[in-house]
Amino acid sequence: MDTEHKVYISLKETEEGLMLDTDLYEYLPEQQLPVHSTASLGMAFEPEEYFENPDGSEIIFNRDYFDNDRLLTCIAGPFANASSVKKTLF
């Protein structure tokens, strides 16, 4: 837990669309993280069902918000790397 740094996060509206404005990725370390999937997530508590696609096939979370590959070394969260934060969200 980092108690030394105060992280900010907000949405910024630009001519291209909405962008994330944050310094989080200055402090969030890149590390080896497992690729999560239906098998690693197990069963959801309330519906007692597995996390899977509507057709019953396995979900593999190996792509980030912008459809980038999540390589062996990545950061936690919706983006595979810190440079993705500079892209327009929508």
PDB file of N, CA and C in Angstrom:
ATOM      1  N   MET A   1       0.845  -1.171   0.000  1.00  0.00           N
ATOM      2  CA  MET A   1       0.000   0.000   0.000  1.00  0.00           C
ATOM      3  C   MET A   1       0.891   1.234   0.000  1.00  0.00           C
ATOM      4  N   ASP A   2       0.592   2.167  -0.881  1.00  0.00           N
ATOM      5  CA  ASP A   2       1.378   3.388  -1.020  1.00  0.00           C
ATOM      6  C   ASP A   2       0.660   4.526  -0.289  1.00  0.00           C
ATOM      7  N   THR A   3       1.207   4.953   0.822  1.00  0.00           N
ATOM      8  CA  THR A   3       0.617   6.061   1.573  1.00  0.00           C
ATOM      9  C   THR A   3       1.393   7.354   1.349  1.00  0.00           C
ATOM     10  N   GLU A   4       2.445   7.292   0.536  1.00  0.00           N
ATOM     11  CA  GLU A   4       3.293   8.458   0.293  1.00  0.00           C
ATOM     12  C   GLU A   4       2.762   9.356  -0.819  1.00  0.00           C
ATOM     13  N   HIS A   5       2.106   8.772  -1.837  1.00  0.00           N
ATOM     14  CA  HIS A   5       1.675   9.533  -2.999  1.00  0.00           C
ATOM     15  C   HIS A   5       0.157   9.708  -3.022  1.00  0.00           C
ATOM     16  N   LYS A   6      -0.284  10.881  -3.429  1.00  0.00           N
ATOM     17  CA  LYS A   6      -1.713  11.121  -3.612  1.00  0.00           C
ATOM     18  C   LYS A   6      -1.996  11.021  -5.117  1.00  0.00           C
ATOM     19  N   VAL A   7      -2.789  10.050  -5.500  1.00  0.00           N
ATOM     20  CA  VAL A   7      -3.098   9.789  -6.902  1.00  0.00           C
ATOM     21  C   VAL A   7      -4.372  10.540  -7.283  1.00  0.00           C
ATOM     22  N   TYR A   8      -4.376  11.117  -8.478  1.00  0.00           N
ATOM     23  CA  TYR A   8      -5.604  11.765  -8.959  1.00  0.00           C
ATOM     24  C   TYR A   8      -6.096  11.035 -10.206  1.00  0.00           C
ATOM     25  N   ILE A   9      -7.406  11.114 -10.424  1.00  0.00           N
ATOM     26  CA  ILE A   9      -8.025  10.504 -11.607  1.00  0.00           C
ATOM     27  C   ILE A   9      -9.290  11.283 -11.945  1.00  0.00           C
ATOM     28  N   SER A  10      -9.453  11.613 -13.225  1.00  0.00           N
ATOM     29  CA  SER A  10     -10.649  12.310 -13.681  1.00  0.00           C
ATOM     30  C   SER A  10     -10.825  12.070 -15.177  1.00  0.00           C
ATOM     31  N   LEU A  11     -11.997  12.397 -15.677  1.00  0.00           N
ATOM     32  CA  LEU A  11     -12.262  12.345 -17.112  1.00  0.00           C
ATOM     33  C   LEU A  11     -12.097  13.740 -17.677  1.00  0.00           C
ATOM     34  N   LYS A  12     -11.456  13.824 -18.825  1.00  0.00           N
ATOM     35  CA  LYS A  12     -11.224  15.100 -19.479  1.00  0.00           C
ATOM     36  C   LYS A  12     -11.894  15.058 -20.854  1.00  0.00           C
ATOM     37  N   GLU A  13     -12.710  16.058 -21.157  1.00  0.00           N
ATOM     38  CA  GLU A  13     -13.372  16.108 -22.459  1.00  0.00           C
ATOM     39  C   GLU A  13     -12.500  16.901 -23.422  1.00  0.00           C
ATOM     40  N   THR A  14     -12.184  16.282 -24.564  1.00  0.00           N
ATOM     41  CA  THR A  14     -11.381  16.929 -25.596  1.00  0.00           C
ATOM     42  C   THR A  14     -12.182  16.911 -26.898  1.00  0.00           C
ATOM     43  N   GLU A  15     -11.640  17.513 -27.941  1.00  0.00           N
ATOM     44  CA  GLU A  15     -12.305  17.486 -29.243  1.00  0.00           C
ATOM     45  C   GLU A  15     -12.434  16.067 -29.779  1.00  0.00           C
ATOM     46  N   GLU A  16     -11.476  15.178 -29.423  1.00  0.00           N
ATOM     47  CA  GLU A  16     -11.499  13.784 -29.888  1.00  0.00           C
ATOM     48  C   GLU A  16     -12.488  12.930 -29.102  1.00  0.00           C
ATOM     49  N   GLY A  17     -12.828  13.343 -27.889  1.00  0.00           N
ATOM     50  CA  GLY A  17     -13.730  12.567 -27.038  1.00  0.00           C
ATOM     51  C   GLY A  17     -13.266  12.613 -25.592  1.00  0.00           C
ATOM     52  N   LEU A  18     -13.692  11.655 -24.799  1.00  0.00           N
ATOM     53  CA  LEU A  18     -13.312  11.605 -23.391  1.00  0.00           C
ATOM     54  C   LEU A  18     -11.984  10.877 -23.213  1.00  0.00           C
ATOM     55  N   MET A  19     -11.154  11.444 -22.345  1.00  0.00           N
ATOM     56  CA  MET A  19      -9.855  10.842 -22.039  1.00  0.00           C
ATOM     57  C   MET A  19      -9.702  10.757 -20.531  1.00  0.00           C
ATOM     58  N   LEU A  20      -8.917   9.800 -20.093  1.00  0.00           N
ATOM     59  CA  LEU A  20      -8.610   9.640 -18.685  1.00  0.00           C
ATOM     60  C   LEU A  20      -7.451  10.562 -18.345  1.00  0.00           C
ATOM     61  N   ASP A  21      -7.569  11.294 -17.254  1.00  0.00           N
ATOM     62  CA  ASP A  21      -6.487  12.150 -16.773  1.00  0.00           C
ATOM     63  C   ASP A  21      -6.094  11.638 -15.392  1.00  0.00           C
ATOM     64  N   THR A  22      -4.921  11.021 -15.295  1.00  0.00           N
ATOM     65  CA  THR A  22      -4.491  10.419 -14.032  1.00  0.00           C
ATOM     66  C   THR A  22      -2.980  10.322 -13.973  1.00  0.00           C
ATOM     67  N   ASP A  23      -2.479  10.271 -12.753  1.00  0.00           N
ATOM     68  CA  ASP A  23      -1.059   9.997 -12.554  1.00  0.00           C
ATOM     69  C   ASP A  23      -0.857   8.609 -11.936  1.00  0.00           C
ATOM     70  N   LEU A  24      -1.918   7.812 -11.891  1.00  0.00           N
ATOM     71  CA  LEU A  24      -1.877   6.475 -11.295  1.00  0.00           C
ATOM     72  C   LEU A  24      -0.743   5.631 -11.853  1.00  0.00           C
ATOM     73  N   TYR A  25      -0.544   5.689 -13.169  1.00  0.00           N
ATOM     74  CA  TYR A  25       0.409   4.799 -13.809  1.00  0.00           C
ATOM     75  C   TYR A  25       1.861   5.207 -13.582  1.00  0.00           C
ATOM     76  N   GLU A  26       2.079   6.354 -12.935  1.00  0.00           N
ATOM     77  CA  GLU A  26       3.429   6.714 -12.504  1.00  0.00           C
ATOM     78  C   GLU A  26       3.835   5.883 -11.282  1.00  0.00           C
ATOM     79  N   TYR A  27       2.841   5.375 -10.555  1.00  0.00           N
ATOM     80  CA  TYR A  27       3.092   4.654  -9.309  1.00  0.00           C
ATOM     81  C   TYR A  27       2.734   3.172  -9.373  1.00  0.00           C
ATOM     82  N   LEU A  28       1.949   2.767 -10.354  1.00  0.00           N
ATOM     83  CA  LEU A  28       1.515   1.386 -10.487  1.00  0.00           C
ATOM     84  C   LEU A  28       2.597   0.579 -11.197  1.00  0.00           C
ATOM     85  N   PRO A  29       3.169  -0.411 -10.545  1.00  0.00           N
ATOM     86  CA  PRO A  29       4.295  -1.131 -11.153  1.00  0.00           C
ATOM     87  C   PRO A  29       3.842  -2.126 -12.230  1.00  0.00           C
ATOM     88  N   GLU A  30       4.682  -2.281 -13.256  1.00  0.00           N
ATOM     89  CA  GLU A  30       4.472  -3.374 -14.202  1.00  0.00           C
ATOM     90  C   GLU A  30       4.982  -4.632 -13.525  1.00  0.00           C
ATOM     91  N   GLN A  31       4.263  -5.716 -13.708  1.00  0.00           N
ATOM     92  CA  GLN A  31       4.662  -6.953 -13.060  1.00  0.00           C
ATOM     93  C   GLN A  31       4.121  -8.138 -13.843  1.00  0.00           C
ATOM     94  N   GLN A  32       4.576  -9.311 -13.481  1.00  0.00           N
ATOM     95  CA  GLN A  32       4.051 -10.509 -14.120  1.00  0.00           C
ATOM     96  C   GLN A  32       2.724 -10.855 -13.467  1.00  0.00           C
ATOM     97  N   LEU A  33       1.680 -10.788 -14.247  1.00  0.00           N
ATOM     98  CA  LEU A  33       0.339 -11.088 -13.762  1.00  0.00           C
ATOM     99  C   LEU A  33      -0.251 -12.208 -14.600  1.00  0.00           C
ATOM    100  N   PRO A  34      -1.021 -13.076 -13.998  1.00  0.00           N
ATOM    101  CA  PRO A  34      -1.630 -14.156 -14.779  1.00  0.00           C
ATOM    102  C   PRO A  34      -2.749 -13.616 -15.671  1.00  0.00           C
ATOM    103  N   VAL A  35      -2.965 -14.275 -16.787  1.00  0.00           N
ATOM    104  CA  VAL A  35      -4.115 -13.967 -17.627  1.00  0.00           C
ATOM    105  C   VAL A  35      -5.307 -14.680 -17.010  1.00  0.00           C
ATOM    106  N   HIS A  36      -6.331 -13.928 -16.664  1.00  0.00           N
ATOM    107  CA  HIS A  36      -7.501 -14.539 -16.038  1.00  0.00           C
ATOM    108  C   HIS A  36      -8.447 -15.101 -17.082  1.00  0.00           C
ATOM    109  N   SER A  37      -9.190 -16.114 -16.672  1.00  0.00           N
ATOM    110  CA  SER A  37     -10.118 -16.783 -17.582  1.00  0.00           C
ATOM    111  C   SER A  37     -11.260 -17.382 -16.763  1.00  0.00           C
ATOM    112  N   THR A  38     -12.169 -17.993 -17.444  1.00  0.00           N
ATOM    113  CA  THR A  38     -13.268 -18.683 -16.778  1.00  0.00           C
ATOM    114  C   THR A  38     -12.725 -19.661 -15.732  1.00  0.00           C
ATOM    115  N   ALA A  39     -11.670 -20.378 -16.075  1.00  0.00           N
ATOM    116  CA  ALA A  39     -11.114 -21.381 -15.170  1.00  0.00           C
ATOM    117  C   ALA A  39     -10.525 -20.754 -13.905  1.00  0.00           C
ATOM    118  N   SER A  40      -9.811 -19.634 -14.052  1.00  0.00           N
ATOM    119  CA  SER A  40      -9.168 -19.030 -12.879  1.00  0.00           C
ATOM    120  C   SER A  40     -10.142 -18.238 -12.011  1.00  0.00           C
ATOM    121  N   LEU A  41     -11.221 -17.746 -12.589  1.00  0.00           N
ATOM    122  CA  LEU A  41     -12.182 -16.952 -11.817  1.00  0.00           C
ATOM    123  C   LEU A  41     -13.130 -17.806 -10.989  1.00  0.00           C
ATOM    124  N   GLY A  42     -13.355 -19.008 -11.425  1.00  0.00           N
ATOM    125  CA  GLY A  42     -14.258 -19.878 -10.685  1.00  0.00           C
ATOM    126  C   GLY A  42     -15.713 -19.468 -10.868  1.00  0.00           C
ATOM    127  N   MET A  43     -16.517 -19.764  -9.872  1.00  0.00           N
ATOM    128  CA  MET A  43     -17.950 -19.550  -9.960  1.00  0.00           C
ATOM    129  C   MET A  43     -18.346 -18.243  -9.266  1.00  0.00           C
ATOM    130  N   ALA A  44     -19.269 -17.506  -9.876  1.00  0.00           N
ATOM    131  CA  ALA A  44     -19.803 -16.285  -9.262  1.00  0.00           C
ATOM    132  C   ALA A  44     -20.657 -16.660  -8.060  1.00  0.00           C
ATOM    133  N   PHE A  45     -20.617 -15.849  -7.023  1.00  0.00           N
ATOM    134  CA  PHE A  45     -21.297 -16.163  -5.758  1.00  0.00           C
ATOM    135  C   PHE A  45     -22.809 -16.266  -5.905  1.00  0.00           C
ATOM    136  N   GLU A  46     -23.446 -15.203  -6.344  1.00  0.00           N
ATOM    137  CA  GLU A  46     -24.908 -15.160  -6.319  1.00  0.00           C
ATOM    138  C   GLU A  46     -25.580 -16.080  -7.346  1.00  0.00           C
ATOM    139  N   PRO A  47     -25.224 -16.012  -8.621  1.00  0.00           N
ATOM    140  CA  PRO A  47     -25.925 -16.905  -9.556  1.00  0.00           C
ATOM    141  C   PRO A  47     -25.390 -18.337  -9.536  1.00  0.00           C
ATOM    142  N   GLU A  48     -24.264 -18.540  -8.845  1.00  0.00           N
ATOM    143  CA  GLU A  48     -23.615 -19.847  -8.811  1.00  0.00           C
ATOM    144  C   GLU A  48     -23.391 -20.398 -10.218  1.00  0.00           C
ATOM    145  N   GLU A  49     -22.877 -19.510 -11.062  1.00  0.00           N
ATOM    146  CA  GLU A  49     -22.552 -19.835 -12.448  1.00  0.00           C
ATOM    147  C   GLU A  49     -21.123 -19.393 -12.729  1.00  0.00           C
ATOM    148  N   TYR A  50     -20.500 -20.002 -13.719  1.00  0.00           N
ATOM    149  CA  TYR A  50     -19.160 -19.615 -14.117  1.00  0.00           C
ATOM    150  C   TYR A  50     -19.207 -18.361 -14.979  1.00  0.00           C
ATOM    151  N   PHE A  51     -18.124 -17.588 -14.962  1.00  0.00           N
ATOM    152  CA  PHE A  51     -17.982 -16.438 -15.847  1.00  0.00           C
ATOM    153  C   PHE A  51     -17.678 -16.999 -17.232  1.00  0.00           C
ATOM    154  N   GLU A  52     -18.619 -16.879 -18.142  1.00  0.00           N
ATOM    155  CA  GLU A  52     -18.431 -17.412 -19.488  1.00  0.00           C
ATOM    156  C   GLU A  52     -19.217 -16.584 -20.490  1.00  0.00           C
ATOM    157  N   ASN A  53     -18.923 -16.789 -21.757  1.00  0.00           N
ATOM    158  CA  ASN A  53     -19.637 -16.101 -22.826  1.00  0.00           C
ATOM    159  C   ASN A  53     -21.077 -16.600 -22.886  1.00  0.00           C
ATOM    160  N   PRO A  54     -21.983 -15.820 -23.520  1.00  0.00           N
ATOM    161  CA  PRO A  54     -23.387 -16.246 -23.614  1.00  0.00           C
ATOM    162  C   PRO A  54     -23.575 -17.626 -24.240  1.00  0.00           C
ATOM    163  N   ASP A  55     -22.647 -18.024 -25.111  1.00  0.00           N
ATOM    164  CA  ASP A  55     -22.778 -19.342 -25.740  1.00  0.00           C
ATOM    165  C   ASP A  55     -22.165 -20.460 -24.884  1.00  0.00           C
ATOM    166  N   GLY A  56     -21.676 -20.100 -23.668  1.00  0.00           N
ATOM    167  CA  GLY A  56     -21.104 -21.095 -22.766  1.00  0.00           C
ATOM    168  C   GLY A  56     -19.616 -21.314 -22.939  1.00  0.00           C
ATOM    169  N   SER A  57     -19.007 -20.651 -23.908  1.00  0.00           N
ATOM    170  CA  SER A  57     -17.563 -20.820 -24.115  1.00  0.00           C
ATOM    171  C   SER A  57     -16.769 -20.023 -23.080  1.00  0.00           C
ATOM    172  N   GLU A  58     -15.535 -20.443 -22.875  1.00  0.00           N
ATOM    173  CA  GLU A  58     -14.665 -19.830 -21.876  1.00  0.00           C
ATOM    174  C   GLU A  58     -14.323 -18.386 -22.241  1.00  0.00           C
ATOM    175  N   ILE A  59     -14.273 -17.516 -21.237  1.00  0.00           N
ATOM    176  CA  ILE A  59     -13.785 -16.150 -21.415  1.00  0.00           C
ATOM    177  C   ILE A  59     -12.305 -16.149 -21.048  1.00  0.00           C
ATOM    178  N   ILE A  60     -11.495 -15.557 -21.897  1.00  0.00           N
ATOM    179  CA  ILE A  60     -10.075 -15.392 -21.614  1.00  0.00           C
ATOM    180  C   ILE A  60      -9.777 -13.891 -21.685  1.00  0.00           C
ATOM    181  N   PHE A  61      -9.374 -13.317 -20.576  1.00  0.00           N
ATOM    182  CA  PHE A  61      -9.126 -11.881 -20.488  1.00  0.00           C
ATOM    183  C   PHE A  61      -7.682 -11.568 -20.880  1.00  0.00           C
ATOM    184  N   ASN A  62      -7.369 -11.801 -22.151  1.00  0.00           N
ATOM    185  CA  ASN A  62      -6.009 -11.582 -22.647  1.00  0.00           C
ATOM    186  C   ASN A  62      -5.903 -10.335 -23.517  1.00  0.00           C
ATOM    187  N   ARG A  63      -6.945  -9.513 -23.546  1.00  0.00           N
ATOM    188  CA  ARG A  63      -6.970  -8.269 -24.305  1.00  0.00           C
ATOM    189  C   ARG A  63      -7.397  -7.151 -23.357  1.00  0.00           C
ATOM    190  N   ASP A  64      -6.887  -5.946 -23.579  1.00  0.00           N
ATOM    191  CA  ASP A  64      -7.271  -4.836 -22.715  1.00  0.00           C
ATOM    192  C   ASP A  64      -8.415  -4.039 -23.338  1.00  0.00           C
ATOM    193  N   TYR A  65      -8.742  -2.918 -22.734  1.00  0.00           N
ATOM    194  CA  TYR A  65      -9.852  -2.058 -23.175  1.00  0.00           C
ATOM    195  C   TYR A  65      -9.727  -1.666 -24.639  1.00  0.00           C
ATOM    196  N   PHE A  66      -8.498  -1.426 -25.106  1.00  0.00           N
ATOM    197  CA  PHE A  66      -8.256  -1.007 -26.483  1.00  0.00           C
ATOM    198  C   PHE A  66      -7.898  -2.182 -27.393  1.00  0.00           C
ATOM    199  N   ASP A  67      -8.132  -3.402 -26.953  1.00  0.00           N
ATOM    200  CA  ASP A  67      -7.874  -4.631 -27.700  1.00  0.00           C
ATOM    201  C   ASP A  67      -6.387  -4.922 -27.876  1.00  0.00           C
ATOM    202  N   ASN A  68      -5.551  -4.382 -26.989  1.00  0.00           N
ATOM    203  CA  ASN A  68      -4.126  -4.704 -26.979  1.00  0.00           C
ATOM    204  C   ASN A  68      -3.921  -6.037 -26.268  1.00  0.00           C
ATOM    205  N   ASP A  69      -2.909  -6.790 -26.712  1.00  0.00           N
ATOM    206  CA  ASP A  69      -2.546  -8.035 -26.028  1.00  0.00           C
ATOM    207  C   ASP A  69      -2.072  -7.738 -24.619  1.00  0.00           C
ATOM    208  N   ARG A  70      -2.490  -8.561 -23.686  1.00  0.00           N
ATOM    209  CA  ARG A  70      -1.923  -8.503 -22.337  1.00  0.00           C
ATOM    210  C   ARG A  70      -0.778  -9.496 -22.340  1.00  0.00           C
ATOM    211  N   LEU A  71       0.427  -8.960 -22.403  1.00  0.00           N
ATOM    212  CA  LEU A  71       1.609  -9.799 -22.450  1.00  0.00           C
ATOM    213  C   LEU A  71       1.921 -10.316 -21.055  1.00  0.00           C
ATOM    214  N   LEU A  72       2.989 -11.061 -20.932  1.00  0.00           N
ATOM    215  CA  LEU A  72       3.373 -11.630 -19.645  1.00  0.00           C
ATOM    216  C   LEU A  72       3.586 -10.539 -18.594  1.00  0.00           C
ATOM    217  N   THR A  73       4.170  -9.410 -19.013  1.00  0.00           N
ATOM    218  CA  THR A  73       4.348  -8.290 -18.097  1.00  0.00           C
ATOM    219  C   THR A  73       3.354  -7.210 -18.474  1.00  0.00           C
ATOM    220  N   CYS A  74       2.464  -6.876 -17.570  1.00  0.00           N
ATOM    221  CA  CYS A  74       1.464  -5.846 -17.826  1.00  0.00           C
ATOM    222  C   CYS A  74       1.111  -5.192 -16.499  1.00  0.00           C
ATOM    223  N   ILE A  75       0.152  -4.289 -16.539  1.00  0.00           N
ATOM    224  CA  ILE A  75      -0.301  -3.639 -15.315  1.00  0.00           C
ATOM    225  C   ILE A  75      -1.717  -4.103 -15.010  1.00  0.00           C
ATOM    226  N   ALA A  76      -2.073  -4.028 -13.761  1.00  0.00           N
ATOM    227  CA  ALA A  76      -3.430  -4.402 -13.358  1.00  0.00           C
ATOM    228  C   ALA A  76      -4.409  -3.349 -13.859  1.00  0.00           C
ATOM    229  N   GLY A  77      -5.608  -3.773 -14.169  1.00  0.00           N
ATOM    230  CA  GLY A  77      -6.633  -2.823 -14.588  1.00  0.00           C
ATOM    231  C   GLY A  77      -7.021  -2.995 -16.040  1.00  0.00           C
ATOM    232  N   PRO A  78      -7.754  -2.016 -16.577  1.00  0.00           N
ATOM    233  CA  PRO A  78      -8.301  -2.156 -17.928  1.00  0.00           C
ATOM    234  C   PRO A  78      -7.308  -1.947 -19.058  1.00  0.00           C
ATOM    235  N   PHE A  79      -6.106  -1.439 -18.759  1.00  0.00           N
ATOM    236  CA  PHE A  79      -5.116  -1.151 -19.793  1.00  0.00           C
ATOM    237  C   PHE A  79      -3.896  -2.054 -19.636  1.00  0.00           C
ATOM    238  N   ALA A  80      -3.361  -2.504 -20.755  1.00  0.00           N
ATOM    239  CA  ALA A  80      -2.200  -3.393 -20.727  1.00  0.00           C
ATOM    240  C   ALA A  80      -0.916  -2.646 -20.392  1.00  0.00           C
ATOM    241  N   ASN A  81      -0.875  -1.341 -20.688  1.00  0.00           N
ATOM    242  CA  ASN A  81       0.323  -0.552 -20.379  1.00  0.00           C
ATOM    243  C   ASN A  81      -0.060   0.904 -20.139  1.00  0.00           C
ATOM    244  N   ALA A  82       0.826   1.642 -19.541  1.00  0.00           N
ATOM    245  CA  ALA A  82       0.541   3.021 -19.145  1.00  0.00           C
ATOM    246  C   ALA A  82       0.316   3.947 -20.334  1.00  0.00           C
ATOM    247  N   SER A  83       0.906   3.662 -21.475  1.00  0.00           N
ATOM    248  CA  SER A  83       0.733   4.547 -22.634  1.00  0.00           C
ATOM    249  C   SER A  83      -0.706   4.557 -23.153  1.00  0.00           C
ATOM    250  N   SER A  84      -1.472   3.529 -22.844  1.00  0.00           N
ATOM    251  CA  SER A  84      -2.868   3.473 -23.274  1.00  0.00           C
ATOM    252  C   SER A  84      -3.716   4.568 -22.636  1.00  0.00           C
ATOM    253  N   VAL A  85      -3.282   5.098 -21.510  1.00  0.00           N
ATOM    254  CA  VAL A  85      -4.040   6.143 -20.813  1.00  0.00           C
ATOM    255  C   VAL A  85      -4.147   7.400 -21.668  1.00  0.00           C
ATOM    256  N   LYS A  86      -3.218   7.608 -22.575  1.00  0.00           N
ATOM    257  CA  LYS A  86      -3.211   8.805 -23.397  1.00  0.00           C
ATOM    258  C   LYS A  86      -4.157   8.703 -24.597  1.00  0.00           C
ATOM    259  N   LYS A  87      -4.841   7.580 -24.759  1.00  0.00           N
ATOM    260  CA  LYS A  87      -5.765   7.392 -25.877  1.00  0.00           C
ATOM    261  C   LYS A  87      -7.182   7.838 -25.495  1.00  0.00           C
ATOM    262  N   THR A  88      -7.959   8.197 -26.490  1.00  0.00           N
ATOM    263  CA  THR A  88      -9.350   8.576 -26.276  1.00  0.00           C
ATOM    264  C   THR A  88     -10.162   7.353 -25.890  1.00  0.00           C
ATOM    265  N   LEU A  89     -10.906   7.433 -24.797  1.00  0.00           N
ATOM    266  CA  LEU A  89     -11.707   6.305 -24.328  1.00  0.00           C
ATOM    267  C   LEU A  89     -12.898   6.048 -25.249  1.00  0.00           C
ATOM    268  N   PHE A  90     -13.620   7.104 -25.575  1.00  0.00           N
ATOM    269  CA  PHE A  90     -14.759   7.029 -26.501  1.00  0.00           C
ATOM    270  C   PHE A  90     -15.185   8.432 -26.857  1.00  0.00           C
TER     271      PHE A  90
END
